[in-house]
């Protein structure tokens, strides 16, 4: 397994729609393992393949609490097949928009269909933080960042801060 570099907005790959995975084979399973390791190293709760420069429909999530056993979920070709009409606001951040947070409104619960790391079709029903995380990561596969839900003014302020941080650390 390897810790991979994470792309930072406004990198163009982050705005592309990712391509479906034909089959979860050894290459995709290794990608998933590398993504889990990268997510943990960055202290994140989710990561999408475009964030590491791979335009493939693969995400990993793990919303376990401190002190709980890690429980990563590996998903290829995830698609939301149902979402609740009830919505909620959650403060979101993103490894590709470092140290920036904003409130985003999303459905409180979702059902997601996907292929697991063994190429088995699965469905998961989620609410709370897991539902938010799944929606956030699936957005990445469609070229959408959490800042795209904000007003143009807020989005531009956040992206300017990120660019300034990147220049300062370069």
N, C-alpha and C. Protein backbone atom coordinates (compact mmCIF):
# COMPACT_ATOMS: atom_id res chain seq x y z
N UNK A 1 0.85 -1.19 0.00
CA UNK A 1 0.00 0.00 0.00
C UNK A 1 0.88 1.23 0.00
N UNK A 2 0.29 2.33 -0.50
CA UNK A 2 1.06 3.56 -0.63
C UNK A 2 0.19 4.76 -0.26
N UNK A 3 0.85 5.77 0.33
CA UNK A 3 0.19 7.05 0.57
C UNK A 3 0.44 7.90 -0.67
N UNK A 4 -0.66 8.36 -1.29
CA UNK A 4 -0.58 9.08 -2.56
C UNK A 4 -0.79 10.57 -2.34
N UNK A 5 -0.22 11.41 -3.22
CA UNK A 5 -0.45 12.84 -3.09
C UNK A 5 -1.90 13.21 -3.43
N UNK A 6 -2.44 14.15 -2.68
CA UNK A 6 -3.83 14.59 -2.87
C UNK A 6 -3.82 15.92 -3.63
N UNK A 7 -4.61 15.96 -4.71
CA UNK A 7 -4.72 17.18 -5.52
C UNK A 7 -5.51 18.23 -4.76
N UNK A 8 -5.15 19.48 -4.99
CA UNK A 8 -5.82 20.60 -4.33
C UNK A 8 -6.51 21.46 -5.37
N UNK A 9 -7.72 21.92 -5.03
CA UNK A 9 -8.46 22.81 -5.92
C UNK A 9 -7.60 24.04 -6.21
N UNK A 10 -7.62 24.53 -7.43
CA UNK A 10 -8.55 24.26 -8.52
C UNK A 10 -8.00 23.28 -9.57
N UNK A 11 -7.34 22.22 -9.19
CA UNK A 11 -6.78 21.27 -10.15
C UNK A 11 -7.88 20.81 -11.13
N UNK A 12 -7.59 20.79 -12.44
CA UNK A 12 -8.64 20.46 -13.43
C UNK A 12 -9.23 19.05 -13.29
N UNK A 13 -8.48 18.07 -12.82
CA UNK A 13 -9.02 16.71 -12.67
C UNK A 13 -10.20 16.71 -11.69
N UNK A 14 -10.17 17.62 -10.71
CA UNK A 14 -11.23 17.67 -9.70
C UNK A 14 -12.57 18.12 -10.29
N UNK A 15 -12.55 18.71 -11.48
CA UNK A 15 -13.78 19.20 -12.11
C UNK A 15 -14.27 18.27 -13.22
N UNK A 16 -13.58 17.14 -13.44
CA UNK A 16 -13.98 16.21 -14.49
C UNK A 16 -14.92 15.14 -13.95
N UNK A 17 -15.79 14.65 -14.83
CA UNK A 17 -16.65 13.51 -14.48
C UNK A 17 -15.80 12.25 -14.65
N UNK A 18 -15.70 11.45 -13.60
CA UNK A 18 -14.87 10.24 -13.61
C UNK A 18 -15.53 9.13 -14.44
N UNK A 19 -14.68 8.27 -14.98
CA UNK A 19 -15.15 7.17 -15.82
C UNK A 19 -15.50 5.94 -14.97
N UNK A 20 -16.56 5.21 -15.36
CA UNK A 20 -16.93 4.00 -14.63
C UNK A 20 -15.82 2.95 -14.68
N UNK A 21 -15.79 2.13 -13.65
CA UNK A 21 -14.85 1.00 -13.57
C UNK A 21 -15.54 -0.20 -14.22
N UNK A 22 -14.87 -0.85 -15.17
CA UNK A 22 -15.46 -2.01 -15.85
C UNK A 22 -15.62 -3.19 -14.91
N UNK A 23 -14.59 -3.44 -14.11
CA UNK A 23 -14.59 -4.56 -13.17
C UNK A 23 -13.64 -4.22 -12.02
N UNK A 24 -13.99 -4.63 -10.82
CA UNK A 24 -13.08 -4.45 -9.69
C UNK A 24 -12.11 -5.64 -9.71
N UNK A 25 -10.96 -5.40 -10.30
CA UNK A 25 -9.93 -6.43 -10.41
C UNK A 25 -8.81 -6.10 -9.40
N UNK A 26 -7.68 -6.78 -9.53
CA UNK A 26 -6.58 -6.58 -8.59
C UNK A 26 -6.08 -5.13 -8.63
N UNK A 27 -6.07 -4.52 -9.81
CA UNK A 27 -5.59 -3.13 -9.93
C UNK A 27 -6.51 -2.18 -9.16
N UNK A 28 -7.81 -2.34 -9.32
CA UNK A 28 -8.76 -1.46 -8.63
C UNK A 28 -8.75 -1.75 -7.12
N UNK A 29 -8.64 -3.02 -6.74
CA UNK A 29 -8.57 -3.37 -5.31
C UNK A 29 -7.34 -2.73 -4.67
N UNK A 30 -6.20 -2.72 -5.38
CA UNK A 30 -5.00 -2.07 -4.86
C UNK A 30 -5.20 -0.56 -4.77
N UNK A 31 -5.85 0.02 -5.79
CA UNK A 31 -6.16 1.45 -5.75
C UNK A 31 -7.00 1.75 -4.51
N UNK A 32 -8.00 0.94 -4.23
CA UNK A 32 -8.84 1.14 -3.04
C UNK A 32 -8.01 1.08 -1.77
N UNK A 33 -7.12 0.08 -1.67
CA UNK A 33 -6.26 -0.03 -0.48
C UNK A 33 -5.36 1.19 -0.34
N UNK A 34 -4.77 1.65 -1.44
CA UNK A 34 -3.92 2.85 -1.41
C UNK A 34 -4.73 4.08 -1.00
N UNK A 35 -5.96 4.15 -1.48
CA UNK A 35 -6.81 5.28 -1.13
C UNK A 35 -7.16 5.27 0.36
N UNK A 36 -7.44 4.09 0.92
CA UNK A 36 -7.73 3.99 2.36
C UNK A 36 -6.51 4.47 3.15
N UNK A 37 -5.33 4.00 2.78
CA UNK A 37 -4.12 4.41 3.48
C UNK A 37 -3.89 5.92 3.36
N UNK A 38 -4.12 6.46 2.17
CA UNK A 38 -3.96 7.90 1.93
C UNK A 38 -4.96 8.69 2.76
N UNK A 39 -6.22 8.23 2.80
CA UNK A 39 -7.27 8.90 3.58
C UNK A 39 -6.89 8.94 5.06
N UNK A 40 -6.44 7.80 5.60
CA UNK A 40 -6.05 7.76 7.01
C UNK A 40 -4.85 8.67 7.28
N UNK A 41 -3.86 8.65 6.39
CA UNK A 41 -2.66 9.48 6.58
C UNK A 41 -3.02 10.97 6.59
N UNK A 42 -4.05 11.34 5.82
CA UNK A 42 -4.47 12.74 5.74
C UNK A 42 -5.51 13.08 6.82
N UNK A 43 -5.85 12.09 7.65
CA UNK A 43 -6.86 12.26 8.71
C UNK A 43 -8.22 12.66 8.14
N UNK A 44 -8.57 12.03 7.00
CA UNK A 44 -9.86 12.28 6.37
C UNK A 44 -10.84 11.17 6.68
N UNK A 45 -12.10 11.38 6.28
CA UNK A 45 -13.13 10.35 6.45
C UNK A 45 -13.65 9.85 5.11
N UNK A 46 -13.12 10.40 4.03
CA UNK A 46 -13.51 9.97 2.70
C UNK A 46 -12.49 10.43 1.68
N UNK A 47 -12.41 9.70 0.57
CA UNK A 47 -11.49 10.07 -0.50
C UNK A 47 -12.04 9.50 -1.80
N UNK A 48 -11.98 10.30 -2.86
CA UNK A 48 -12.41 9.87 -4.19
C UNK A 48 -11.19 9.81 -5.10
N UNK A 49 -11.21 8.86 -6.03
CA UNK A 49 -10.06 8.66 -6.93
C UNK A 49 -9.64 9.95 -7.65
N UNK A 50 -10.56 10.82 -8.10
CA UNK A 50 -10.10 12.06 -8.73
C UNK A 50 -9.20 12.92 -7.83
N UNK A 51 -9.36 12.79 -6.53
CA UNK A 51 -8.55 13.58 -5.60
C UNK A 51 -7.08 13.15 -5.62
N UNK A 52 -6.81 11.96 -6.13
CA UNK A 52 -5.42 11.51 -6.27
C UNK A 52 -5.03 11.44 -7.75
N UNK A 53 -5.81 12.14 -8.59
CA UNK A 53 -5.47 12.26 -10.01
C UNK A 53 -5.95 11.12 -10.87
N UNK A 54 -6.83 10.28 -10.36
CA UNK A 54 -7.34 9.14 -11.14
C UNK A 54 -8.81 9.38 -11.47
N UNK A 55 -9.11 9.51 -12.75
CA UNK A 55 -10.47 9.78 -13.18
C UNK A 55 -11.26 8.48 -13.30
N UNK A 56 -11.44 7.80 -12.15
CA UNK A 56 -12.18 6.55 -12.09
C UNK A 56 -13.20 6.65 -10.96
N UNK A 57 -14.34 5.99 -11.14
CA UNK A 57 -15.45 6.08 -10.18
C UNK A 57 -15.20 5.14 -9.00
N UNK A 58 -14.27 5.56 -8.14
CA UNK A 58 -13.90 4.79 -6.94
C UNK A 58 -13.84 5.75 -5.76
N UNK A 59 -14.46 5.36 -4.65
CA UNK A 59 -14.37 6.14 -3.42
C UNK A 59 -14.12 5.20 -2.25
N UNK A 60 -13.59 5.77 -1.18
CA UNK A 60 -13.47 5.06 0.10
C UNK A 60 -13.96 6.00 1.19
N UNK A 61 -14.60 5.43 2.20
CA UNK A 61 -15.10 6.23 3.33
C UNK A 61 -14.90 5.44 4.62
N UNK A 62 -14.73 6.18 5.70
CA UNK A 62 -14.69 5.58 7.03
C UNK A 62 -15.00 6.66 8.04
N UNK A 63 -16.18 6.57 8.63
CA UNK A 63 -16.61 7.60 9.58
C UNK A 63 -16.59 7.09 11.03
N UNK A 64 -15.74 6.09 11.31
CA UNK A 64 -15.67 5.57 12.68
C UNK A 64 -15.24 6.67 13.65
N UNK A 65 -15.74 6.57 14.86
CA UNK A 65 -15.41 7.55 15.90
C UNK A 65 -14.06 7.22 16.52
N UNK A 66 -13.44 8.22 17.15
CA UNK A 66 -12.19 7.97 17.89
C UNK A 66 -12.42 6.86 18.90
N UNK A 67 -11.47 5.94 18.97
CA UNK A 67 -11.56 4.83 19.90
C UNK A 67 -12.27 3.62 19.32
N UNK A 68 -12.99 3.79 18.21
CA UNK A 68 -13.64 2.67 17.54
C UNK A 68 -12.66 2.03 16.55
N UNK A 69 -12.94 0.80 16.19
CA UNK A 69 -12.13 0.11 15.20
C UNK A 69 -12.38 0.72 13.82
N UNK A 70 -11.32 1.00 13.06
CA UNK A 70 -11.53 1.51 11.69
C UNK A 70 -12.43 0.56 10.90
N UNK A 71 -13.28 1.15 10.06
CA UNK A 71 -14.23 0.36 9.28
C UNK A 71 -14.36 0.96 7.88
N UNK A 72 -13.30 0.85 7.06
CA UNK A 72 -13.35 1.46 5.74
C UNK A 72 -14.33 0.73 4.81
N UNK A 73 -15.04 1.51 4.01
CA UNK A 73 -15.92 0.96 2.99
C UNK A 73 -15.32 1.37 1.64
N UNK A 74 -15.14 0.39 0.76
CA UNK A 74 -14.56 0.61 -0.56
C UNK A 74 -15.68 0.47 -1.59
N UNK A 75 -15.86 1.49 -2.42
CA UNK A 75 -16.97 1.49 -3.37
C UNK A 75 -16.49 1.84 -4.78
N UNK A 76 -16.87 1.01 -5.75
CA UNK A 76 -16.63 1.32 -7.16
C UNK A 76 -17.98 1.57 -7.82
N UNK A 77 -18.02 2.54 -8.70
CA UNK A 77 -19.25 2.92 -9.41
C UNK A 77 -20.42 3.19 -8.48
N UNK A 78 -20.19 3.91 -7.38
CA UNK A 78 -21.32 4.17 -6.46
C UNK A 78 -22.36 5.07 -7.11
N UNK A 79 -23.61 4.74 -6.86
CA UNK A 79 -24.68 5.62 -7.35
C UNK A 79 -25.76 5.69 -6.29
N UNK A 80 -26.27 6.88 -6.10
CA UNK A 80 -27.35 7.09 -5.14
C UNK A 80 -28.64 6.67 -5.82
N UNK A 81 -29.30 5.64 -5.25
CA UNK A 81 -30.53 5.13 -5.85
C UNK A 81 -31.78 5.64 -5.11
N UNK A 82 -31.57 6.25 -3.95
CA UNK A 82 -32.66 6.85 -3.18
C UNK A 82 -32.06 7.86 -2.22
N UNK A 83 -32.77 8.96 -2.05
CA UNK A 83 -32.38 9.91 -1.00
C UNK A 83 -33.63 10.44 -0.33
N UNK A 84 -33.50 10.74 0.94
CA UNK A 84 -34.65 11.22 1.72
C UNK A 84 -35.04 12.61 1.26
N UNK A 85 -36.32 12.90 1.39
CA UNK A 85 -36.78 14.26 1.08
C UNK A 85 -36.32 15.21 2.17
N UNK A 86 -36.18 14.68 3.41
CA UNK A 86 -35.74 15.51 4.53
C UNK A 86 -34.27 15.85 4.37
N UNK A 87 -33.95 17.12 4.53
CA UNK A 87 -32.58 17.58 4.35
C UNK A 87 -32.04 18.11 5.67
N UNK A 88 -30.71 18.17 5.75
CA UNK A 88 -30.07 18.69 6.93
C UNK A 88 -28.81 19.45 6.55
N UNK A 89 -28.33 20.25 7.46
CA UNK A 89 -27.12 21.05 7.23
C UNK A 89 -25.98 20.42 8.01
N UNK A 90 -24.85 20.28 7.35
CA UNK A 90 -23.66 19.73 8.00
C UNK A 90 -22.46 20.57 7.57
N UNK A 91 -21.57 20.84 8.52
CA UNK A 91 -20.34 21.55 8.16
C UNK A 91 -19.41 20.55 7.49
N UNK A 92 -19.00 20.88 6.27
CA UNK A 92 -18.14 19.99 5.50
C UNK A 92 -16.79 20.63 5.25
N UNK A 93 -15.80 19.76 5.11
CA UNK A 93 -14.47 20.14 4.69
C UNK A 93 -14.04 19.15 3.64
N UNK A 94 -12.85 19.33 3.10
CA UNK A 94 -12.40 18.46 2.01
C UNK A 94 -10.88 18.44 1.97
N UNK A 95 -10.32 17.25 1.76
CA UNK A 95 -8.86 17.14 1.67
C UNK A 95 -8.31 17.90 0.46
N UNK A 96 -9.15 18.14 -0.54
CA UNK A 96 -8.72 18.91 -1.72
C UNK A 96 -8.99 20.40 -1.58
N UNK A 97 -9.60 20.79 -0.47
CA UNK A 97 -9.83 22.20 -0.14
C UNK A 97 -9.38 22.36 1.31
N UNK A 98 -8.06 22.22 1.54
CA UNK A 98 -7.55 22.08 2.91
C UNK A 98 -7.87 23.26 3.83
N UNK A 99 -8.22 22.88 5.06
CA UNK A 99 -8.45 23.82 6.16
C UNK A 99 -9.58 24.80 5.93
N UNK A 100 -10.51 24.47 5.03
CA UNK A 100 -11.66 25.32 4.76
C UNK A 100 -12.93 24.50 5.02
N UNK A 101 -13.91 25.15 5.64
CA UNK A 101 -15.15 24.47 6.01
C UNK A 101 -16.33 25.37 5.71
N UNK A 102 -17.46 24.75 5.40
CA UNK A 102 -18.68 25.52 5.16
C UNK A 102 -19.88 24.60 5.36
N UNK A 103 -21.02 25.20 5.66
CA UNK A 103 -22.25 24.44 5.84
C UNK A 103 -22.87 24.12 4.49
N UNK A 104 -23.23 22.83 4.32
CA UNK A 104 -23.84 22.36 3.08
C UNK A 104 -25.13 21.63 3.44
N UNK A 105 -26.18 21.87 2.66
CA UNK A 105 -27.46 21.20 2.85
C UNK A 105 -27.55 20.00 1.92
N UNK A 106 -27.85 18.84 2.50
CA UNK A 106 -27.97 17.59 1.73
C UNK A 106 -29.09 16.74 2.32
N UNK A 107 -29.56 15.73 1.55
CA UNK A 107 -30.51 14.78 2.12
C UNK A 107 -29.91 14.11 3.36
N UNK A 108 -30.75 13.84 4.36
CA UNK A 108 -30.28 13.25 5.61
C UNK A 108 -29.98 11.76 5.49
N UNK A 109 -30.59 11.09 4.50
CA UNK A 109 -30.37 9.65 4.34
C UNK A 109 -30.30 9.32 2.86
N UNK A 110 -29.50 8.29 2.53
CA UNK A 110 -29.36 7.84 1.15
C UNK A 110 -29.22 6.32 1.09
N UNK A 111 -29.52 5.77 -0.07
CA UNK A 111 -29.21 4.37 -0.37
C UNK A 111 -28.29 4.40 -1.57
N UNK A 112 -27.16 3.71 -1.46
CA UNK A 112 -26.13 3.73 -2.51
C UNK A 112 -25.90 2.30 -3.00
N UNK A 113 -25.91 2.15 -4.33
CA UNK A 113 -25.58 0.87 -4.97
C UNK A 113 -24.15 0.98 -5.49
N UNK A 114 -23.36 -0.10 -5.33
CA UNK A 114 -21.95 -0.06 -5.72
C UNK A 114 -21.39 -1.46 -5.87
N UNK A 115 -20.16 -1.55 -6.36
CA UNK A 115 -19.40 -2.79 -6.38
C UNK A 115 -18.37 -2.70 -5.26
N UNK A 116 -18.24 -3.77 -4.47
CA UNK A 116 -17.24 -3.76 -3.40
C UNK A 116 -15.88 -4.18 -3.93
N UNK A 117 -14.91 -4.32 -3.02
CA UNK A 117 -13.53 -4.64 -3.41
C UNK A 117 -13.38 -6.04 -4.01
N UNK A 118 -14.44 -6.85 -3.91
CA UNK A 118 -14.42 -8.20 -4.50
C UNK A 118 -15.28 -8.27 -5.76
N UNK A 119 -15.68 -7.10 -6.27
CA UNK A 119 -16.51 -6.98 -7.47
C UNK A 119 -17.94 -7.49 -7.23
N UNK A 120 -18.36 -7.54 -5.97
CA UNK A 120 -19.72 -7.97 -5.63
C UNK A 120 -20.64 -6.76 -5.59
N UNK A 121 -21.83 -6.86 -6.22
CA UNK A 121 -22.78 -5.75 -6.13
C UNK A 121 -23.34 -5.64 -4.70
N UNK A 122 -23.42 -4.42 -4.20
CA UNK A 122 -23.91 -4.19 -2.83
C UNK A 122 -24.79 -2.94 -2.82
N UNK A 123 -25.54 -2.82 -1.75
CA UNK A 123 -26.27 -1.59 -1.45
C UNK A 123 -26.05 -1.28 0.02
N UNK A 124 -25.99 0.00 0.30
CA UNK A 124 -25.85 0.43 1.69
C UNK A 124 -26.85 1.56 1.92
N UNK A 125 -27.54 1.49 3.07
CA UNK A 125 -28.39 2.60 3.49
C UNK A 125 -27.64 3.34 4.56
N UNK A 126 -27.64 4.65 4.45
CA UNK A 126 -26.86 5.45 5.39
C UNK A 126 -27.63 6.70 5.78
N UNK A 127 -27.37 7.13 7.02
CA UNK A 127 -27.87 8.42 7.47
C UNK A 127 -26.75 9.11 8.23
N UNK A 128 -27.00 10.29 8.72
CA UNK A 128 -26.01 11.02 9.51
C UNK A 128 -24.73 11.29 8.73
N UNK A 129 -23.60 11.19 9.44
CA UNK A 129 -22.30 11.52 8.85
C UNK A 129 -21.96 10.61 7.67
N UNK A 130 -22.32 9.33 7.74
CA UNK A 130 -22.01 8.43 6.62
C UNK A 130 -22.76 8.86 5.36
N UNK A 131 -24.02 9.24 5.50
CA UNK A 131 -24.79 9.71 4.33
C UNK A 131 -24.15 10.96 3.74
N UNK A 132 -23.76 11.89 4.60
CA UNK A 132 -23.11 13.12 4.13
C UNK A 132 -21.81 12.79 3.41
N UNK A 133 -21.01 11.93 4.01
CA UNK A 133 -19.71 11.56 3.45
C UNK A 133 -19.88 10.88 2.09
N UNK A 134 -20.80 9.94 1.98
CA UNK A 134 -21.03 9.26 0.70
C UNK A 134 -21.44 10.25 -0.38
N UNK A 135 -22.35 11.17 -0.05
CA UNK A 135 -22.79 12.16 -1.03
C UNK A 135 -21.63 13.07 -1.45
N UNK A 136 -20.83 13.48 -0.49
CA UNK A 136 -19.68 14.35 -0.76
C UNK A 136 -18.70 13.66 -1.71
N UNK A 137 -18.37 12.39 -1.43
CA UNK A 137 -17.41 11.66 -2.27
C UNK A 137 -17.98 11.34 -3.65
N UNK A 138 -19.26 10.99 -3.72
CA UNK A 138 -19.88 10.74 -5.03
C UNK A 138 -19.90 12.03 -5.84
N UNK A 139 -20.10 13.17 -5.19
CA UNK A 139 -20.01 14.45 -5.89
C UNK A 139 -18.65 14.59 -6.59
N UNK A 140 -17.57 14.19 -5.89
CA UNK A 140 -16.24 14.27 -6.50
C UNK A 140 -16.19 13.52 -7.83
N UNK A 141 -16.88 12.39 -7.91
CA UNK A 141 -16.86 11.59 -9.14
C UNK A 141 -17.56 12.30 -10.29
N UNK A 142 -18.37 13.30 -9.94
CA UNK A 142 -19.09 14.08 -10.94
C UNK A 142 -18.48 15.46 -11.15
N UNK A 143 -17.28 15.67 -10.60
CA UNK A 143 -16.60 16.95 -10.77
C UNK A 143 -17.16 18.06 -9.90
N UNK A 144 -17.81 17.70 -8.80
CA UNK A 144 -18.45 18.68 -7.92
C UNK A 144 -17.71 18.70 -6.58
N UNK A 145 -17.35 19.90 -6.12
CA UNK A 145 -16.75 20.09 -4.80
C UNK A 145 -17.79 20.68 -3.86
N UNK A 146 -17.59 20.51 -2.56
CA UNK A 146 -18.59 21.04 -1.61
C UNK A 146 -18.74 22.54 -1.76
N UNK A 147 -17.69 23.24 -2.18
CA UNK A 147 -17.79 24.69 -2.34
C UNK A 147 -18.72 25.08 -3.48
N UNK A 148 -19.02 24.13 -4.38
CA UNK A 148 -19.94 24.42 -5.49
C UNK A 148 -21.38 24.60 -5.00
N UNK A 149 -21.66 24.21 -3.75
CA UNK A 149 -22.99 24.41 -3.16
C UNK A 149 -23.13 25.79 -2.52
N UNK A 150 -22.04 26.53 -2.45
CA UNK A 150 -22.03 27.82 -1.77
C UNK A 150 -22.31 28.95 -2.76
N UNK A 151 -22.57 30.13 -2.21
CA UNK A 151 -22.72 31.30 -3.08
C UNK A 151 -21.40 31.54 -3.80
N UNK A 152 -21.47 32.20 -4.93
CA UNK A 152 -20.27 32.50 -5.70
C UNK A 152 -19.25 33.27 -4.86
N UNK A 153 -19.73 34.21 -4.05
CA UNK A 153 -18.84 35.01 -3.21
C UNK A 153 -18.10 34.12 -2.20
N UNK A 154 -18.85 33.27 -1.47
CA UNK A 154 -18.21 32.38 -0.48
C UNK A 154 -17.24 31.41 -1.15
N UNK A 155 -17.67 30.83 -2.29
CA UNK A 155 -16.82 29.86 -3.00
C UNK A 155 -15.51 30.52 -3.42
N UNK A 156 -15.59 31.71 -4.00
CA UNK A 156 -14.38 32.40 -4.46
C UNK A 156 -13.48 32.77 -3.29
N UNK A 157 -14.06 33.17 -2.16
CA UNK A 157 -13.24 33.50 -0.98
C UNK A 157 -12.46 32.27 -0.51
N UNK A 158 -13.14 31.14 -0.43
CA UNK A 158 -12.49 29.90 0.02
C UNK A 158 -11.40 29.48 -0.96
N UNK A 159 -11.70 29.50 -2.24
CA UNK A 159 -10.71 29.06 -3.23
C UNK A 159 -9.50 29.99 -3.27
N UNK A 160 -9.72 31.29 -3.06
CA UNK A 160 -8.58 32.22 -2.99
C UNK A 160 -7.71 31.91 -1.78
N UNK A 161 -8.33 31.61 -0.64
CA UNK A 161 -7.56 31.25 0.56
C UNK A 161 -6.72 30.00 0.31
N UNK A 162 -7.30 29.00 -0.34
CA UNK A 162 -6.59 27.76 -0.65
C UNK A 162 -5.39 28.05 -1.54
N UNK A 163 -5.61 28.85 -2.59
CA UNK A 163 -4.51 29.18 -3.50
C UNK A 163 -3.41 29.94 -2.77
N UNK A 164 -3.79 30.84 -1.88
CA UNK A 164 -2.79 31.60 -1.11
C UNK A 164 -2.00 30.66 -0.20
N UNK A 165 -2.68 29.71 0.44
CA UNK A 165 -1.99 28.71 1.29
C UNK A 165 -1.01 27.89 0.46
N UNK A 166 -1.43 27.50 -0.74
CA UNK A 166 -0.58 26.67 -1.60
C UNK A 166 0.68 27.42 -2.02
N UNK A 167 0.51 28.70 -2.36
CA UNK A 167 1.66 29.53 -2.75
C UNK A 167 2.62 29.71 -1.57
N UNK A 168 2.04 29.91 -0.37
CA UNK A 168 2.87 30.13 0.82
C UNK A 168 3.66 28.88 1.20
N UNK A 169 3.08 27.69 0.93
CA UNK A 169 3.78 26.46 1.32
C UNK A 169 4.68 25.90 0.20
N UNK A 170 4.63 26.53 -0.96
CA UNK A 170 5.44 26.04 -2.09
C UNK A 170 6.87 26.53 -2.03
